[in-house]
Amino acid sequence: MIHNPYPGINSNIITQKPKDYNNKDAILRILNYLDTKVRRLLHSINKVFMHKITLANLP
């Protein structure tokens, strides 16, 4: 077992190396995981921002 530097990603995927282990595949998985996190973050920021605009437009 290798230490998993990315907690939250399925550790088995990264830490266990099958014979046909593909490094690019693991990198793509990590990027995909980070992309999901960033999208969620942007989505919540956007929700707060839109809410503030709505409040500002109230008479």
Protein backbone atom coordinates (compact mmCIF):
# COMPACT_ATOMS: atom_id res chain seq x y z
CA MET A 1 0.00 0.00 0.00
CA ILE A 2 1.25 3.47 -0.92
CA HIS A 3 0.20 6.48 1.15
CA ASN A 4 -2.78 8.20 -0.50
CA PRO A 5 -2.07 11.96 -0.77
CA TYR A 6 -5.67 12.62 -1.85
CA PRO A 7 -8.10 11.81 0.97
CA GLY A 8 -11.68 11.60 -0.21
CA ILE A 9 -10.82 9.83 -3.43
CA ASN A 10 -11.30 6.07 -3.27
CA SER A 11 -7.88 5.11 -1.91
CA ASN A 12 -7.98 1.68 -3.55
CA ILE A 13 -8.01 3.28 -7.01
CA ILE A 14 -4.75 5.14 -6.44
CA THR A 15 -2.85 3.04 -3.91
CA GLN A 16 -3.22 -0.44 -5.41
CA LYS A 17 -1.26 -0.94 -8.62
CA PRO A 18 -2.66 -3.62 -10.91
CA LYS A 19 -0.39 -5.02 -13.65
CA ASP A 20 -1.88 -2.72 -16.28
CA TYR A 21 -1.79 0.31 -13.97
CA ASN A 22 -2.08 3.52 -15.95
CA ASN A 23 -0.66 6.65 -14.35
CA LYS A 24 -2.58 8.95 -16.68
CA ASP A 25 -5.81 7.31 -15.58
CA ALA A 26 -5.13 8.12 -11.92
CA ILE A 27 -4.27 11.73 -12.79
CA LEU A 28 -7.50 12.07 -14.76
CA ARG A 29 -9.46 10.70 -11.81
CA ILE A 30 -7.85 13.23 -9.47
CA LEU A 31 -8.52 16.11 -11.88
CA ASN A 32 -12.12 14.99 -12.25
CA TYR A 33 -12.49 14.85 -8.46
CA LEU A 34 -11.02 18.35 -8.02
CA ASP A 35 -13.21 19.64 -10.87
CA THR A 36 -16.30 18.40 -9.00
CA LYS A 37 -15.15 20.13 -5.80
CA VAL A 38 -14.52 23.43 -7.62
CA ARG A 39 -17.90 23.27 -9.39
CA ARG A 40 -19.68 22.75 -6.06
CA LEU A 41 -17.78 25.65 -4.52
CA LEU A 42 -18.58 27.98 -7.42
CA HIS A 43 -22.20 26.89 -7.29
CA SER A 44 -22.54 27.84 -3.61
CA ILE A 45 -20.73 31.16 -4.14
CA ASN A 46 -23.07 31.87 -7.04
CA LYS A 47 -26.15 31.08 -4.92
CA VAL A 48 -25.02 33.49 -2.18
CA PHE A 49 -24.19 36.17 -4.74
CA MET A 50 -27.57 35.89 -6.48
CA HIS A 51 -29.30 36.03 -3.10
CA LYS A 52 -27.53 39.27 -2.23
CA ILE A 53 -28.51 40.82 -5.59
CA THR A 54 -32.14 39.87 -4.94
CA LEU A 55 -32.04 41.51 -1.50
CA ALA A 56 -30.44 44.65 -2.96
CA ASN A 57 -33.20 44.96 -5.56
CA LEU A 58 -35.99 44.91 -2.99
CA PRO A 59 -37.72 48.29 -2.58
